[in-house]
Amino acid sequence: MTVFEKFTDGKHGGPSLSVAVAMLAIGFLTAIGFQTVQLMRDRSNLANVYAGQQNAVEQTLRLRNSVDAFAGETATLAQQGDGSAKQVVETLRSQNITIRPPAAQPANPPAK
């Protein structure tokens, strides 16, 4: 008995692979469905992690802005001759940290 004789349909005499193809299709669709569910779950988890980090990012930006403002004010004082501010600027410069005074604000804001 050959391999094809095992799948022979008695009525037509040819090999009947419909059961094997149906099982293969069901297995393929099941695998695709499983992968889709996993990807949707992963996407949801990533969205939750991103949303959880938003608060920390906002706090970090506020802290950076306040540190930049403080450093800018210190640099301005150093330019105006304040000895303590000059010492702070020089200490930071020796550590390869350069601070600059804030850019001058335009006198008249541009018209929109």
N, C-alpha and C. Protein backbone atom coordinates (compact mmCIF):
# COMPACT_ATOMS: atom_id res chain seq x y z
N MET A 1 0.85 -1.17 0.00
CA MET A 1 0.00 0.00 0.00
C MET A 1 0.89 1.24 0.00
N THR A 2 0.63 2.13 -0.95
CA THR A 2 1.41 3.35 -1.04
C THR A 2 0.78 4.44 -0.18
N VAL A 3 1.50 5.53 -0.06
CA VAL A 3 1.02 6.64 0.76
C VAL A 3 -0.28 7.20 0.20
N PHE A 4 -0.36 7.31 -1.12
CA PHE A 4 -1.55 7.89 -1.73
C PHE A 4 -2.76 6.97 -1.63
N GLU A 5 -2.54 5.70 -1.52
CA GLU A 5 -3.65 4.78 -1.39
C GLU A 5 -4.35 4.93 -0.05
N LYS A 6 -3.65 5.44 0.95
CA LYS A 6 -4.27 5.66 2.25
C LYS A 6 -5.32 6.76 2.19
N PHE A 7 -5.13 7.73 1.29
CA PHE A 7 -6.05 8.85 1.16
C PHE A 7 -7.03 8.68 0.00
N THR A 8 -7.10 7.51 -0.57
CA THR A 8 -7.94 7.28 -1.73
C THR A 8 -9.40 7.29 -1.34
N ASP A 9 -10.15 8.06 -2.09
CA ASP A 9 -11.59 8.10 -1.90
C ASP A 9 -12.17 6.95 -2.72
N GLY A 10 -12.94 6.10 -2.13
CA GLY A 10 -13.46 4.93 -2.79
C GLY A 10 -14.36 5.25 -3.97
N LYS A 11 -15.05 6.38 -3.94
CA LYS A 11 -16.00 6.71 -4.99
C LYS A 11 -15.31 7.20 -6.26
N HIS A 12 -14.29 8.06 -6.12
CA HIS A 12 -13.67 8.68 -7.28
C HIS A 12 -12.34 8.04 -7.65
N GLY A 13 -11.77 7.35 -6.78
CA GLY A 13 -10.53 6.68 -7.06
C GLY A 13 -9.30 7.56 -6.93
N GLY A 14 -9.44 8.87 -6.70
CA GLY A 14 -8.31 9.79 -6.56
C GLY A 14 -8.02 10.07 -5.09
N PRO A 15 -6.89 10.64 -4.84
CA PRO A 15 -6.56 10.95 -3.44
C PRO A 15 -7.47 12.05 -2.90
N SER A 16 -7.94 11.89 -1.68
CA SER A 16 -8.80 12.87 -1.02
C SER A 16 -7.98 13.55 0.07
N LEU A 17 -7.56 14.74 -0.23
CA LEU A 17 -6.74 15.48 0.73
C LEU A 17 -7.54 16.57 1.45
N SER A 18 -8.84 16.57 1.27
CA SER A 18 -9.65 17.65 1.85
C SER A 18 -9.55 17.70 3.37
N VAL A 19 -9.47 16.56 4.02
CA VAL A 19 -9.35 16.55 5.48
C VAL A 19 -8.01 17.14 5.90
N ALA A 20 -6.96 16.77 5.22
CA ALA A 20 -5.63 17.28 5.56
C ALA A 20 -5.54 18.78 5.29
N VAL A 21 -6.11 19.22 4.17
CA VAL A 21 -6.08 20.65 3.84
C VAL A 21 -6.93 21.43 4.84
N ALA A 22 -8.07 20.91 5.22
CA ALA A 22 -8.93 21.57 6.20
C ALA A 22 -8.22 21.70 7.55
N MET A 23 -7.54 20.65 7.97
CA MET A 23 -6.80 20.71 9.24
C MET A 23 -5.65 21.70 9.16
N LEU A 24 -4.98 21.72 8.02
CA LEU A 24 -3.89 22.68 7.82
C LEU A 24 -4.42 24.11 7.86
N ALA A 25 -5.56 24.36 7.21
CA ALA A 25 -6.16 25.69 7.21
C ALA A 25 -6.58 26.10 8.61
N ILE A 26 -7.19 25.19 9.35
CA ILE A 26 -7.61 25.49 10.72
C ILE A 26 -6.40 25.79 11.59
N GLY A 27 -5.35 25.02 11.44
CA GLY A 27 -4.13 25.28 12.22
C GLY A 27 -3.51 26.61 11.88
N PHE A 28 -3.48 26.95 10.59
CA PHE A 28 -2.91 28.24 10.16
C PHE A 28 -3.73 29.40 10.70
N LEU A 29 -5.07 29.31 10.57
CA LEU A 29 -5.92 30.39 11.07
C LEU A 29 -5.83 30.52 12.58
N THR A 30 -5.69 29.41 13.27
CA THR A 30 -5.52 29.45 14.73
C THR A 30 -4.21 30.15 15.10
N ALA A 31 -3.14 29.84 14.38
CA ALA A 31 -1.85 30.47 14.66
C ALA A 31 -1.91 31.96 14.38
N ILE A 32 -2.54 32.35 13.27
CA ILE A 32 -2.67 33.78 12.93
C ILE A 32 -3.51 34.50 13.99
N GLY A 33 -4.59 33.87 14.42
CA GLY A 33 -5.44 34.46 15.46
C GLY A 33 -4.68 34.63 16.76
N PHE A 34 -3.90 33.64 17.15
CA PHE A 34 -3.11 33.72 18.37
C PHE A 34 -2.10 34.85 18.29
N GLN A 35 -1.41 34.95 17.16
CA GLN A 35 -0.43 36.02 16.99
C GLN A 35 -1.10 37.40 17.03
N THR A 36 -2.27 37.51 16.44
CA THR A 36 -3.00 38.79 16.44
C THR A 36 -3.36 39.18 17.87
N VAL A 37 -3.86 38.25 18.64
CA VAL A 37 -4.22 38.54 20.03
C VAL A 37 -2.97 38.95 20.82
N GLN A 38 -1.87 38.26 20.62
CA GLN A 38 -0.63 38.60 21.33
C GLN A 38 -0.16 40.00 20.96
N LEU A 39 -0.19 40.33 19.67
CA LEU A 39 0.25 41.66 19.24
C LEU A 39 -0.66 42.76 19.79
N MET A 40 -1.96 42.50 19.84
CA MET A 40 -2.87 43.50 20.41
C MET A 40 -2.60 43.69 21.90
N ARG A 41 -2.32 42.59 22.60
CA ARG A 41 -2.00 42.68 24.02
C ARG A 41 -0.70 43.45 24.24
N ASP A 42 0.31 43.18 23.42
CA ASP A 42 1.59 43.89 23.54
C ASP A 42 1.42 45.38 23.25
N ARG A 43 0.60 45.70 22.24
CA ARG A 43 0.37 47.11 21.92
C ARG A 43 -0.32 47.82 23.08
N SER A 44 -1.29 47.16 23.68
CA SER A 44 -1.99 47.73 24.83
C SER A 44 -1.03 47.96 25.99
N ASN A 45 -0.16 46.98 26.26
CA ASN A 45 0.81 47.13 27.34
C ASN A 45 1.78 48.27 27.07
N LEU A 46 2.23 48.41 25.82
CA LEU A 46 3.13 49.52 25.49
C LEU A 46 2.44 50.86 25.65
N ALA A 47 1.17 50.94 25.27
CA ALA A 47 0.42 52.19 25.44
C ALA A 47 0.30 52.53 26.92
N ASN A 48 0.08 51.53 27.77
CA ASN A 48 -0.02 51.78 29.21
C ASN A 48 1.31 52.25 29.79
N VAL A 49 2.41 51.65 29.34
CA VAL A 49 3.73 52.06 29.82
C VAL A 49 4.02 53.49 29.39
N TYR A 50 3.70 53.81 28.14
CA TYR A 50 3.91 55.17 27.63
C TYR A 50 3.10 56.18 28.44
N ALA A 51 1.85 55.86 28.70
CA ALA A 51 1.00 56.77 29.48
C ALA A 51 1.54 56.91 30.90
N GLY A 52 2.09 55.85 31.45
CA GLY A 52 2.64 55.92 32.80
C GLY A 52 3.89 56.78 32.88
N GLN A 53 4.60 56.91 31.78
CA GLN A 53 5.83 57.71 31.77
C GLN A 53 5.57 59.18 31.50
N GLN A 54 4.39 59.53 31.02
CA GLN A 54 4.11 60.92 30.68
C GLN A 54 4.30 61.85 31.88
N ASN A 55 3.83 61.46 33.04
CA ASN A 55 3.95 62.30 34.24
C ASN A 55 5.42 62.53 34.58
N ALA A 56 6.23 61.49 34.51
CA ALA A 56 7.65 61.63 34.81
C ALA A 56 8.34 62.53 33.79
N VAL A 57 7.96 62.43 32.54
CA VAL A 57 8.56 63.28 31.51
C VAL A 57 8.19 64.74 31.75
N GLU A 58 6.94 64.99 32.09
CA GLU A 58 6.52 66.37 32.36
C GLU A 58 7.26 66.95 33.56
N GLN A 59 7.43 66.15 34.62
CA GLN A 59 8.16 66.62 35.79
C GLN A 59 9.63 66.90 35.43
N THR A 60 10.21 66.05 34.61
CA THR A 60 11.60 66.24 34.20
C THR A 60 11.75 67.53 33.40
N LEU A 61 10.81 67.79 32.50
CA LEU A 61 10.88 69.02 31.71
C LEU A 61 10.73 70.26 32.59
N ARG A 62 9.83 70.20 33.57
CA ARG A 62 9.70 71.34 34.50
C ARG A 62 10.99 71.55 35.28
N LEU A 63 11.59 70.46 35.74
CA LEU A 63 12.84 70.57 36.49
C LEU A 63 13.95 71.13 35.60
N ARG A 64 14.04 70.65 34.35
CA ARG A 64 15.07 71.16 33.44
C ARG A 64 14.88 72.65 33.19
N ASN A 65 13.63 73.08 33.00
CA ASN A 65 13.38 74.50 32.76
C ASN A 65 13.76 75.34 33.97
N SER A 66 13.46 74.86 35.16
CA SER A 66 13.80 75.65 36.35
C SER A 66 15.32 75.68 36.56
N VAL A 67 16.02 74.57 36.28
CA VAL A 67 17.48 74.55 36.41
C VAL A 67 18.10 75.48 35.36
N ASP A 68 17.58 75.44 34.13
CA ASP A 68 18.08 76.34 33.09
C ASP A 68 17.86 77.80 33.46
N ALA A 69 16.71 78.11 34.03
CA ALA A 69 16.44 79.49 34.45
C ALA A 69 17.39 79.91 35.57
N PHE A 70 17.60 79.02 36.53
CA PHE A 70 18.51 79.32 37.64
C PHE A 70 19.94 79.52 37.12
N ALA A 71 20.36 78.64 36.22
CA ALA A 71 21.71 78.77 35.66
C ALA A 71 21.85 80.05 34.85
N GLY A 72 20.80 80.39 34.12
CA GLY A 72 20.83 81.63 33.35
C GLY A 72 20.93 82.86 34.24
N GLU A 73 20.18 82.84 35.33
CA GLU A 73 20.25 83.97 36.27
C GLU A 73 21.63 84.05 36.91
N THR A 74 22.22 82.90 37.22
CA THR A 74 23.57 82.88 37.79
C THR A 74 24.57 83.45 36.79
N ALA A 75 24.46 83.06 35.53
CA ALA A 75 25.36 83.59 34.50
C ALA A 75 25.18 85.09 34.33
N THR A 76 23.95 85.56 34.41
CA THR A 76 23.69 87.00 34.31
C THR A 76 24.34 87.75 35.47
N LEU A 77 24.20 87.20 36.67
CA LEU A 77 24.84 87.83 37.84
C LEU A 77 26.36 87.84 37.69
N ALA A 78 26.91 86.76 37.14
CA ALA A 78 28.37 86.70 36.95
C ALA A 78 28.82 87.77 35.96
N GLN A 79 28.03 87.99 34.91
CA GLN A 79 28.38 89.04 33.94
C GLN A 79 28.28 90.42 34.56
N GLN A 80 27.39 90.57 35.53
CA GLN A 80 27.21 91.87 36.17
C GLN A 80 28.25 92.12 37.27
N GLY A 81 29.08 91.10 37.55
CA GLY A 81 30.17 91.30 38.47
C GLY A 81 30.00 90.67 39.84
N ASP A 82 28.99 89.90 40.08
CA ASP A 82 28.80 89.25 41.38
C ASP A 82 29.89 88.20 41.57
N GLY A 83 30.65 88.30 42.67
CA GLY A 83 31.78 87.41 42.93
C GLY A 83 31.38 85.96 43.15
N SER A 84 30.31 85.74 43.90
CA SER A 84 29.87 84.36 44.16
C SER A 84 29.38 83.69 42.88
N ALA A 85 28.66 84.46 42.06
CA ALA A 85 28.17 83.90 40.80
C ALA A 85 29.34 83.59 39.87
N LYS A 86 30.37 84.45 39.87
CA LYS A 86 31.55 84.18 39.04
C LYS A 86 32.24 82.90 39.49
N GLN A 87 32.30 82.70 40.81
CA GLN A 87 32.93 81.49 41.34
C GLN A 87 32.14 80.24 40.92
N VAL A 88 30.81 80.33 40.96
CA VAL A 88 29.98 79.19 40.55
C VAL A 88 30.19 78.91 39.07
N VAL A 89 30.21 79.95 38.25
CA VAL A 89 30.39 79.77 36.80
C VAL A 89 31.76 79.16 36.51
N GLU A 90 32.79 79.63 37.21
CA GLU A 90 34.14 79.08 36.99
C GLU A 90 34.23 77.63 37.46
N THR A 91 33.60 77.32 38.58
CA THR A 91 33.60 75.93 39.06
C THR A 91 32.91 75.01 38.06
N LEU A 92 31.79 75.47 37.53
CA LEU A 92 31.08 74.67 36.52
C LEU A 92 31.90 74.55 35.24
N ARG A 93 32.56 75.62 34.85
CA ARG A 93 33.39 75.59 33.64
C ARG A 93 34.55 74.61 33.80
N SER A 94 35.12 74.51 35.02
CA SER A 94 36.20 73.55 35.25
C SER A 94 35.70 72.11 35.14
N GLN A 95 34.40 71.92 35.28
CA GLN A 95 33.81 70.59 35.13
C GLN A 95 33.18 70.41 33.74
N ASN A 96 33.58 71.28 32.81
CA ASN A 96 33.10 71.25 31.41
C ASN A 96 31.59 71.45 31.30
N ILE A 97 31.04 72.29 32.18
CA ILE A 97 29.63 72.66 32.11
C ILE A 97 29.58 74.16 31.84
N THR A 98 29.03 74.53 30.71
CA THR A 98 28.96 75.94 30.34
C THR A 98 27.53 76.42 30.51
N ILE A 99 27.38 77.51 31.25
CA ILE A 99 26.06 78.11 31.37
C ILE A 99 26.12 79.49 30.74
N ARG A 100 25.03 79.88 30.14
CA ARG A 100 24.96 81.18 29.46
C ARG A 100 23.76 81.94 29.99
N PRO A 101 23.85 83.24 29.97
CA PRO A 101 22.68 84.02 30.37
C PRO A 101 21.56 83.82 29.36
N PRO A 102 20.32 83.98 29.79
CA PRO A 102 19.21 83.80 28.85
C PRO A 102 19.29 84.83 27.72
N ALA A 103 18.79 84.45 26.56
CA ALA A 103 18.79 85.36 25.42
C ALA A 103 17.88 86.54 25.73
N ALA A 104 18.27 87.68 25.23
CA ALA A 104 17.48 88.89 25.48
C ALA A 104 16.12 88.76 24.80
N GLN A 105 15.10 89.14 25.55
CA GLN A 105 13.74 89.08 25.00
C GLN A 105 13.55 90.26 24.05
N PRO A 106 12.87 90.05 22.94
CA PRO A 106 12.62 91.17 22.03
C PRO A 106 11.70 92.20 22.72
N ALA A 107 11.98 93.47 22.45
CA ALA A 107 11.21 94.54 23.09
C ALA A 107 9.75 94.50 22.67
N ASN A 108 9.51 94.33 21.38
CA ASN A 108 8.14 94.27 20.87
C ASN A 108 7.91 92.87 20.29
N PRO A 109 6.92 92.13 20.80
CA PRO A 109 6.66 90.82 20.23
C PRO A 109 6.16 90.96 18.80
N PRO A 110 6.53 90.02 17.94
CA PRO A 110 6.12 90.12 16.54
C PRO A 110 4.60 90.03 16.41
N ALA A 111 4.06 90.80 15.50
CA ALA A 111 2.61 90.80 15.27
C ALA A 111 2.23 89.57 14.46
N LYS A 112 1.06 89.04 14.81
CA LYS A 112 0.59 87.83 14.11
C LYS A 112 -0.41 88.16 13.06
